[in-house]
Amino acid sequence: MLSIPQYLDFSQSGKTREICEFFLELLKRKSEVLYLHSQQVANYSASVAAKLGLSKKEIGMIRTAALMHDIGLLSVPNNILNKYPYLSTREMSQYKRHCIAGWSMLENMEEFSGVIDLICSHHEKWDGTGYPKRLKGVNIPLGARIIAVADYYDSVINPCTARWQKNHQEALQELLGAMGTSFDPEIVRAFIDSLAPGKKIRPIPIYTKSNGKKKAKMAAERIADVPAKVAETPTTEEYTEK
């Protein structure tokens, strides 16, 4: 994992840096968890962008967007944040507005004209079931697709989130299983390769119900359902641990 101090080491400077530091300080005062999470997502996202061969300018923009991706949560009450993801329909609706709120906070700042769409779209899903605009596939900005994968991984694995919902192996397996549905398959592969180059993960059983009976289903079977246009994405076997 990239070290947290790298989060201030992005290409933009001057007002952009000052504004980022201002919002991050507000986020820190609201929640230390969100503050640390934003830093780690920025580091992961920059690493994936570099793995994809993007330019230094593009990497800097994606890192900046990742740093700021959750500033819209400043508008969400702590009593809702502390309950997430166990929210009522009304609370969830309020929570989902944070993407638009983050966009609104920066929309009139010229320095962020290239990143506000990434901030607004980081909860969109590859299959079009995300929010706030239900964008699908390549209609989702590339940077937002990168941030989405990094955001998911860090939210369930990093100890600073105080959740420990999944271990490293389980989190990577979930990402593989969500290729072609929640996440862009190419981004998932780049994320895994940047996170642990040369490392591979073990296939673990995933249980589903069929005709009232439980049966084991490996993640490789789920990946086999990915549309043909992404057929070159990895299977679980390709990531089987040495």
C-alpha atoms as a PDB file:
ATOM      1  CA  MET A   1       0.000   0.000   0.000  1.00  0.00           C
ATOM      2  CA  LEU A   2       1.268   3.492  -0.811  1.00  0.00           C
ATOM      3  CA  SER A   3       2.162   5.619   2.163  1.00  0.00           C
ATOM      4  CA  ILE A   4      -0.308   8.242   3.348  1.00  0.00           C
ATOM      5  CA  PRO A   5       2.116  11.236   3.148  1.00  0.00           C
ATOM      6  CA  GLN A   6       2.073  10.962  -0.663  1.00  0.00           C
ATOM      7  CA  TYR A   7      -1.407  12.482  -0.694  1.00  0.00           C
ATOM      8  CA  LEU A   8      -0.044  16.044  -0.824  1.00  0.00           C
ATOM      9  CA  ASP A   9       2.427  15.192  -3.569  1.00  0.00           C
ATOM     10  CA  PHE A  10       0.197  15.917  -6.554  1.00  0.00           C
ATOM     11  CA  SER A  11       1.067  17.991  -9.607  1.00  0.00           C
ATOM     12  CA  GLN A  12      -1.294  20.906  -9.025  1.00  0.00           C
ATOM     13  CA  SER A  13      -0.066  23.775  -6.889  1.00  0.00           C
ATOM     14  CA  GLY A  14      -1.071  27.269  -5.789  1.00  0.00           C
ATOM     15  CA  LYS A  15      -4.801  27.800  -5.292  1.00  0.00           C
ATOM     16  CA  THR A  16      -5.650  24.195  -6.131  1.00  0.00           C
ATOM     17  CA  ARG A  17      -3.453  22.928  -3.326  1.00  0.00           C
ATOM     18  CA  GLU A  18      -4.765  25.528  -0.884  1.00  0.00           C
ATOM     19  CA  ILE A  19      -8.391  24.672  -1.676  1.00  0.00           C
ATOM     20  CA  CYS A  20      -7.704  20.945  -1.312  1.00  0.00           C
ATOM     21  CA  GLU A  21      -6.043  21.498   2.054  1.00  0.00           C
ATOM     22  CA  PHE A  22      -8.966  23.668   3.181  1.00  0.00           C
ATOM     23  CA  PHE A  23     -11.594  21.056   2.332  1.00  0.00           C
ATOM     24  CA  LEU A  24      -9.482  18.223   3.752  1.00  0.00           C
ATOM     25  CA  GLU A  25      -9.172  20.124   7.022  1.00  0.00           C
ATOM     26  CA  LEU A  26     -12.955  20.502   7.143  1.00  0.00           C
ATOM     27  CA  LEU A  27     -13.319  16.793   6.419  1.00  0.00           C
ATOM     28  CA  LYS A  28     -10.856  15.970   9.188  1.00  0.00           C
ATOM     29  CA  ARG A  29     -12.817  18.068  11.673  1.00  0.00           C
ATOM     30  CA  LYS A  30     -15.989  16.256  10.689  1.00  0.00           C
ATOM     31  CA  SER A  31     -14.530  12.736  10.615  1.00  0.00           C
ATOM     32  CA  GLU A  32     -10.983  11.428  10.995  1.00  0.00           C
ATOM     33  CA  VAL A  33     -12.134   8.280   9.200  1.00  0.00           C
ATOM     34  CA  LEU A  34     -13.213  10.175   6.074  1.00  0.00           C
ATOM     35  CA  TYR A  35     -10.027  12.229   6.168  1.00  0.00           C
ATOM     36  CA  LEU A  36      -7.753   9.183   6.168  1.00  0.00           C
ATOM     37  CA  HIS A  37      -9.977   7.383   3.677  1.00  0.00           C
ATOM     38  CA  SER A  38      -9.674  10.247   1.194  1.00  0.00           C
ATOM     39  CA  GLN A  39      -5.887  10.126   1.380  1.00  0.00           C
ATOM     40  CA  GLN A  40      -5.699   6.398   0.802  1.00  0.00           C
ATOM     41  CA  VAL A  41      -8.178   6.474  -2.088  1.00  0.00           C
ATOM     42  CA  ALA A  42      -6.055   9.213  -3.688  1.00  0.00           C
ATOM     43  CA  ASN A  43      -2.926   7.070  -3.365  1.00  0.00           C
ATOM     44  CA  TYR A  44      -4.596   3.965  -4.775  1.00  0.00           C
ATOM     45  CA  SER A  45      -6.150   5.938  -7.631  1.00  0.00           C
ATOM     46  CA  ALA A  46      -2.859   7.562  -8.619  1.00  0.00           C
ATOM     47  CA  SER A  47      -1.178   4.154  -8.618  1.00  0.00           C
ATOM     48  CA  VAL A  48      -3.855   2.673 -10.901  1.00  0.00           C
ATOM     49  CA  ALA A  49      -3.718   5.670 -13.239  1.00  0.00           C
ATOM     50  CA  ALA A  50       0.039   5.237 -13.544  1.00  0.00           C
ATOM     51  CA  LYS A  51      -0.420   1.512 -14.187  1.00  0.00           C
ATOM     52  CA  LEU A  52      -2.756   2.382 -17.067  1.00  0.00           C
ATOM     53  CA  GLY A  53      -0.054   4.581 -18.579  1.00  0.00           C
ATOM     54  CA  LEU A  54      -1.865   7.896 -18.183  1.00  0.00           C
ATOM     55  CA  SER A  55       0.048  11.163 -18.428  1.00  0.00           C
ATOM     56  CA  LYS A  56       1.427  12.976 -15.397  1.00  0.00           C
ATOM     57  CA  LYS A  57      -1.247  15.653 -15.809  1.00  0.00           C
ATOM     58  CA  GLU A  58      -4.055  13.060 -15.913  1.00  0.00           C
ATOM     59  CA  ILE A  59      -2.646  11.254 -12.879  1.00  0.00           C
ATOM     60  CA  GLY A  60      -2.537  14.552 -10.982  1.00  0.00           C
ATOM     61  CA  MET A  61      -6.145  15.347 -11.859  1.00  0.00           C
ATOM     62  CA  ILE A  62      -7.341  11.891 -10.827  1.00  0.00           C
ATOM     63  CA  ARG A  63      -5.427  12.101  -7.559  1.00  0.00           C
ATOM     64  CA  THR A  64      -6.928  15.512  -6.826  1.00  0.00           C
ATOM     65  CA  ALA A  65     -10.443  14.260  -7.627  1.00  0.00           C
ATOM     66  CA  ALA A  66      -9.882  11.231  -5.383  1.00  0.00           C
ATOM     67  CA  LEU A  67      -8.750  13.466  -2.532  1.00  0.00           C
ATOM     68  CA  MET A  68     -11.928  15.490  -2.876  1.00  0.00           C
ATOM     69  CA  HIS A  69     -14.341  12.712  -3.832  1.00  0.00           C
ATOM     70  CA  ASP A  70     -16.150  12.695  -0.481  1.00  0.00           C
ATOM     71  CA  ILE A  71     -16.260  16.421   0.349  1.00  0.00           C
ATOM     72  CA  GLY A  72     -19.990  16.328  -0.405  1.00  0.00           C
ATOM     73  CA  LEU A  73     -20.349  14.313   2.794  1.00  0.00           C
ATOM     74  CA  LEU A  74     -19.719  17.557   4.657  1.00  0.00           C
ATOM     75  CA  SER A  75     -23.400  18.232   3.959  1.00  0.00           C
ATOM     76  CA  VAL A  76     -24.559  14.896   5.416  1.00  0.00           C
ATOM     77  CA  PRO A  77     -25.331  14.772   9.169  1.00  0.00           C
ATOM     78  CA  ASN A  78     -23.046  12.600  11.281  1.00  0.00           C
ATOM     79  CA  ASN A  79     -25.962  10.569  12.584  1.00  0.00           C
ATOM     80  CA  ILE A  80     -26.487   9.332   9.008  1.00  0.00           C
ATOM     81  CA  LEU A  81     -22.783   8.787   8.304  1.00  0.00           C
ATOM     82  CA  ASN A  82     -22.411   6.763  11.489  1.00  0.00           C
ATOM     83  CA  LYS A  83     -25.275   4.445  10.461  1.00  0.00           C
ATOM     84  CA  TYR A  84     -24.125   3.887   6.868  1.00  0.00           C
ATOM     85  CA  PRO A  85     -24.826   1.521   5.114  1.00  0.00           C
ATOM     86  CA  TYR A  86     -27.757   0.645   7.399  1.00  0.00           C
ATOM     87  CA  LEU A  87     -29.953   3.564   6.362  1.00  0.00           C
ATOM     88  CA  SER A  88     -33.646   4.071   5.830  1.00  0.00           C
ATOM     89  CA  THR A  89     -34.853   4.931   2.311  1.00  0.00           C
ATOM     90  CA  ARG A  90     -35.035   8.604   3.237  1.00  0.00           C
ATOM     91  CA  GLU A  91     -31.583   8.594   4.829  1.00  0.00           C
ATOM     92  CA  MET A  92     -30.079   6.774   1.853  1.00  0.00           C
ATOM     93  CA  SER A  93     -31.574   9.348  -0.487  1.00  0.00           C
ATOM     94  CA  GLN A  94     -29.928  12.097   1.539  1.00  0.00           C
ATOM     95  CA  TYR A  95     -26.616  10.226   1.589  1.00  0.00           C
ATOM     96  CA  LYS A  96     -26.620   9.748  -2.195  1.00  0.00           C
ATOM     97  CA  ARG A  97     -26.869  13.487  -2.714  1.00  0.00           C
ATOM     98  CA  HIS A  98     -23.262  13.900  -1.563  1.00  0.00           C
ATOM     99  CA  CYS A  99     -21.979  13.344  -5.118  1.00  0.00           C
ATOM    100  CA  ILE A 100     -23.931  16.325  -6.444  1.00  0.00           C
ATOM    101  CA  ALA A 101     -23.075  18.327  -3.309  1.00  0.00           C
ATOM    102  CA  GLY A 102     -19.346  17.816  -3.903  1.00  0.00           C
ATOM    103  CA  TRP A 103     -19.765  18.881  -7.514  1.00  0.00           C
ATOM    104  CA  SER A 104     -21.681  21.995  -6.436  1.00  0.00           C
ATOM    105  CA  MET A 105     -18.994  23.065  -3.963  1.00  0.00           C
ATOM    106  CA  LEU A 106     -16.384  23.257  -6.719  1.00  0.00           C
ATOM    107  CA  GLU A 107     -18.367  24.044  -9.873  1.00  0.00           C
ATOM    108  CA  ASN A 108     -17.421  27.743  -9.984  1.00  0.00           C
ATOM    109  CA  MET A 109     -13.719  27.166  -9.302  1.00  0.00           C
ATOM    110  CA  GLU A 110     -11.776  27.151 -12.555  1.00  0.00           C
ATOM    111  CA  GLU A 111      -8.960  25.123 -10.987  1.00  0.00           C
ATOM    112  CA  PHE A 112     -11.327  22.165 -10.560  1.00  0.00           C
ATOM    113  CA  SER A 113     -13.096  22.288 -13.926  1.00  0.00           C
ATOM    114  CA  GLY A 114     -11.338  19.070 -14.971  1.00  0.00           C
ATOM    115  CA  VAL A 115     -12.160  17.074 -11.845  1.00  0.00           C
ATOM    116  CA  ILE A 116     -15.719  17.934 -10.799  1.00  0.00           C
ATOM    117  CA  ASP A 117     -17.236  15.340 -13.146  1.00  0.00           C
ATOM    118  CA  LEU A 118     -15.007  12.666 -11.587  1.00  0.00           C
ATOM    119  CA  ILE A 119     -16.194  13.666  -8.122  1.00  0.00           C
ATOM    120  CA  CYS A 120     -19.826  13.642  -9.209  1.00  0.00           C
ATOM    121  CA  SER A 121     -19.549  10.222 -10.908  1.00  0.00           C
ATOM    122  CA  HIS A 122     -17.542   8.120  -8.455  1.00  0.00           C
ATOM    123  CA  HIS A 123     -20.637   6.113  -7.425  1.00  0.00           C
ATOM    124  CA  GLU A 124     -21.735   5.313 -10.966  1.00  0.00           C
ATOM    125  CA  LYS A 125     -21.589   1.602 -11.886  1.00  0.00           C
ATOM    126  CA  TRP A 126     -20.368  -0.098 -15.038  1.00  0.00           C
ATOM    127  CA  ASP A 127     -23.799  -1.664 -15.663  1.00  0.00           C
ATOM    128  CA  GLY A 128     -25.687   1.615 -15.264  1.00  0.00           C
ATOM    129  CA  THR A 129     -27.220   0.966 -11.840  1.00  0.00           C
ATOM    130  CA  GLY A 130     -25.197   3.572  -9.938  1.00  0.00           C
ATOM    131  CA  TYR A 131     -25.950   7.177  -9.006  1.00  0.00           C
ATOM    132  CA  PRO A 132     -26.566  10.081  -9.404  1.00  0.00           C
ATOM    133  CA  LYS A 133     -27.049   9.913 -13.214  1.00  0.00           C
ATOM    134  CA  ARG A 134     -27.075   6.141 -13.871  1.00  0.00           C
ATOM    135  CA  LEU A 135     -24.229   6.454 -16.349  1.00  0.00           C
ATOM    136  CA  LYS A 136     -23.120   3.213 -17.972  1.00  0.00           C
ATOM    137  CA  GLY A 137     -19.842   1.772 -19.247  1.00  0.00           C
ATOM    138  CA  VAL A 138     -17.475   4.169 -20.965  1.00  0.00           C
ATOM    139  CA  ASN A 139     -19.945   7.011 -20.448  1.00  0.00           C
ATOM    140  CA  ILE A 140     -18.561   7.110 -16.899  1.00  0.00           C
ATOM    141  CA  PRO A 141     -15.371   9.241 -16.853  1.00  0.00           C
ATOM    142  CA  LEU A 142     -12.244   7.079 -16.649  1.00  0.00           C
ATOM    143  CA  GLY A 143     -11.055   8.804 -13.482  1.00  0.00           C
ATOM    144  CA  ALA A 144     -14.388   8.142 -11.772  1.00  0.00           C
ATOM    145  CA  ARG A 145     -14.157   4.447 -12.690  1.00  0.00           C
ATOM    146  CA  ILE A 146     -10.702   4.326 -11.093  1.00  0.00           C
ATOM    147  CA  ILE A 147     -11.852   6.134  -7.941  1.00  0.00           C
ATOM    148  CA  ALA A 148     -14.852   3.784  -7.624  1.00  0.00           C
ATOM    149  CA  VAL A 149     -12.614   0.708  -7.366  1.00  0.00           C
ATOM    150  CA  ALA A 150     -10.164   2.378  -4.969  1.00  0.00           C
ATOM    151  CA  ASP A 151     -13.038   3.732  -2.864  1.00  0.00           C
ATOM    152  CA  TYR A 152     -14.649   0.319  -2.504  1.00  0.00           C
ATOM    153  CA  TYR A 153     -11.424  -1.472  -1.595  1.00  0.00           C
ATOM    154  CA  ASP A 154     -10.318   1.043   1.018  1.00  0.00           C
ATOM    155  CA  SER A 155     -13.777   1.299   2.583  1.00  0.00           C
ATOM    156  CA  VAL A 156     -13.784  -2.408   3.450  1.00  0.00           C
ATOM    157  CA  ILE A 157     -10.111  -3.200   4.059  1.00  0.00           C
ATOM    158  CA  ASN A 158      -8.304  -0.232   5.584  1.00  0.00           C
ATOM    159  CA  PRO A 159      -8.089  -0.243   9.381  1.00  0.00           C
ATOM    160  CA  CYS A 160      -8.673   3.522   9.446  1.00  0.00           C
ATOM    161  CA  THR A 161     -12.278   2.840   8.465  1.00  0.00           C
ATOM    162  CA  ALA A 162     -12.722   0.870  11.692  1.00  0.00           C
ATOM    163  CA  ARG A 163     -14.973  -1.584   9.837  1.00  0.00           C
ATOM    164  CA  TRP A 164     -12.783  -4.544   8.951  1.00  0.00           C
ATOM    165  CA  GLN A 165     -15.647  -5.962   6.924  1.00  0.00           C
ATOM    166  CA  LYS A 166     -13.354  -8.082   4.750  1.00  0.00           C
ATOM    167  CA  ASN A 167      -9.755  -9.178   4.655  1.00  0.00           C
ATOM    168  CA  HIS A 168      -7.463  -8.467   1.719  1.00  0.00           C
ATOM    169  CA  GLN A 169      -8.237 -11.742  -0.068  1.00  0.00           C
ATOM    170  CA  GLU A 170     -11.985 -11.319   0.296  1.00  0.00           C
ATOM    171  CA  ALA A 171     -11.910  -7.718  -0.908  1.00  0.00           C
ATOM    172  CA  LEU A 172      -9.982  -8.632  -4.055  1.00  0.00           C
ATOM    173  CA  GLN A 173     -12.327 -11.544  -4.683  1.00  0.00           C
ATOM    174  CA  GLU A 174     -15.310  -9.206  -4.399  1.00  0.00           C
ATOM    175  CA  LEU A 175     -13.723  -6.888  -6.955  1.00  0.00           C
ATOM    176  CA  LEU A 176     -13.194  -9.789  -9.354  1.00  0.00           C
ATOM    177  CA  GLY A 177     -16.772 -10.903  -8.877  1.00  0.00           C
ATOM    178  CA  ALA A 178     -18.076  -7.400  -9.619  1.00  0.00           C
ATOM    179  CA  MET A 179     -16.193  -7.034 -12.913  1.00  0.00           C
ATOM    180  CA  GLY A 180     -18.640  -6.062 -15.630  1.00  0.00           C
ATOM    181  CA  THR A 181     -21.359  -5.128 -13.141  1.00  0.00           C
ATOM    182  CA  SER A 182     -20.232  -2.587 -10.555  1.00  0.00           C
ATOM    183  CA  PHE A 183     -16.725  -1.994 -11.895  1.00  0.00           C
ATOM    184  CA  ASP A 184     -14.884  -1.593 -15.184  1.00  0.00           C
ATOM    185  CA  PRO A 185     -13.016  -4.922 -15.675  1.00  0.00           C
ATOM    186  CA  GLU A 186      -9.914  -3.181 -17.037  1.00  0.00           C
ATOM    187  CA  ILE A 187      -9.700  -0.976 -13.940  1.00  0.00           C
ATOM    188  CA  VAL A 188     -10.088  -3.948 -11.590  1.00  0.00           C
ATOM    189  CA  ARG A 189      -7.208  -5.741 -13.297  1.00  0.00           C
ATOM    190  CA  ALA A 190      -5.019  -2.617 -13.170  1.00  0.00           C
ATOM    191  CA  PHE A 191      -5.914  -2.100  -9.499  1.00  0.00           C
ATOM    192  CA  ILE A 192      -4.916  -5.644  -8.544  1.00  0.00           C
ATOM    193  CA  ASP A 193      -1.706  -5.421 -10.574  1.00  0.00           C
ATOM    194  CA  SER A 194      -0.760  -2.076  -9.007  1.00  0.00           C
ATOM    195  CA  LEU A 195      -1.665  -3.197  -5.498  1.00  0.00           C
ATOM    196  CA  ALA A 196       0.398  -6.372  -5.561  1.00  0.00           C
ATOM    197  CA  PRO A 197       2.421  -6.810  -8.771  1.00  0.00           C
ATOM    198  CA  GLY A 198       2.984 -10.471  -9.580  1.00  0.00           C
ATOM    199  CA  LYS A 199       0.787 -11.609  -6.688  1.00  0.00           C
ATOM    200  CA  LYS A 200      -2.237 -13.750  -7.301  1.00  0.00           C
ATOM    201  CA  ILE A 201      -5.290 -14.509  -5.231  1.00  0.00           C
ATOM    202  CA  ARG A 202      -6.990 -17.725  -4.288  1.00  0.00           C
ATOM    203  CA  PRO A 203     -10.430 -18.632  -5.612  1.00  0.00           C
ATOM    204  CA  ILE A 204     -12.935 -18.899  -2.760  1.00  0.00           C
ATOM    205  CA  PRO A 205     -16.489 -20.286  -2.881  1.00  0.00           C
ATOM    206  CA  ILE A 206     -19.336 -17.854  -3.457  1.00  0.00           C
ATOM    207  CA  TYR A 207     -22.712 -19.227  -2.404  1.00  0.00           C
ATOM    208  CA  THR A 208     -25.932 -18.514  -4.254  1.00  0.00           C
ATOM    209  CA  LYS A 209     -29.430 -19.937  -4.070  1.00  0.00           C
ATOM    210  CA  SER A 210     -30.841 -21.837  -7.006  1.00  0.00           C
ATOM    211  CA  ASN A 211     -34.293 -23.460  -6.846  1.00  0.00           C
ATOM    212  CA  GLY A 212     -34.196 -23.177  -3.094  1.00  0.00           C
ATOM    213  CA  LYS A 213     -30.879 -25.026  -2.769  1.00  0.00           C
ATOM    214  CA  LYS A 214     -27.458 -23.626  -1.965  1.00  0.00           C
ATOM    215  CA  LYS A 215     -24.613 -24.469  -4.261  1.00  0.00           C
ATOM    216  CA  ALA A 216     -21.005 -23.336  -4.489  1.00  0.00           C
ATOM    217  CA  LYS A 217     -20.149 -21.063  -7.332  1.00  0.00           C
ATOM    218  CA  MET A 218     -16.596 -19.886  -7.952  1.00  0.00           C
ATOM    219  CA  ALA A 219     -15.868 -16.280  -8.889  1.00  0.00           C
ATOM    220  CA  ALA A 220     -14.449 -17.542 -12.175  1.00  0.00           C
ATOM    221  CA  GLU A 221     -17.962 -18.550 -13.215  1.00  0.00           C
ATOM    222  CA  ARG A 222     -19.200 -15.040 -12.536  1.00  0.00           C
ATOM    223  CA  ILE A 223     -16.407 -13.520 -14.564  1.00  0.00           C
ATOM    224  CA  ALA A 224     -17.315 -15.808 -17.448  1.00  0.00           C
ATOM    225  CA  ASP A 225     -20.557 -13.842 -17.739  1.00  0.00           C
ATOM    226  CA  VAL A 226     -18.710 -10.589 -18.556  1.00  0.00           C
ATOM    227  CA  PRO A 227     -19.669  -9.320 -22.057  1.00  0.00           C
ATOM    228  CA  ALA A 228     -17.447 -10.326 -24.970  1.00  0.00           C
ATOM    229  CA  LYS A 229     -15.986  -6.842 -25.372  1.00  0.00           C
ATOM    230  CA  VAL A 230     -14.140  -7.302 -22.086  1.00  0.00           C
ATOM    231  CA  ALA A 231     -13.310 -10.962 -22.623  1.00  0.00           C
ATOM    232  CA  GLU A 232      -9.580 -10.366 -22.118  1.00  0.00           C
ATOM    233  CA  THR A 233     -10.031  -9.476 -18.460  1.00  0.00           C
ATOM    234  CA  PRO A 234      -8.544 -11.959 -15.948  1.00  0.00           C
ATOM    235  CA  THR A 235     -10.254 -14.975 -14.486  1.00  0.00           C
ATOM    236  CA  THR A 236      -9.847 -16.107 -10.912  1.00  0.00           C
ATOM    237  CA  GLU A 237      -7.530 -18.886 -12.082  1.00  0.00           C
ATOM    238  CA  GLU A 238      -5.136 -16.261 -13.459  1.00  0.00           C
ATOM    239  CA  TYR A 239      -4.965 -14.836  -9.955  1.00  0.00           C
ATOM    240  CA  THR A 240      -4.600 -18.133  -8.087  1.00  0.00           C
ATOM    241  CA  GLU A 241      -1.950 -17.698  -5.424  1.00  0.00           C
ATOM    242  CA  LYS A 242       1.415 -19.293  -6.060  1.00  0.00           C
END
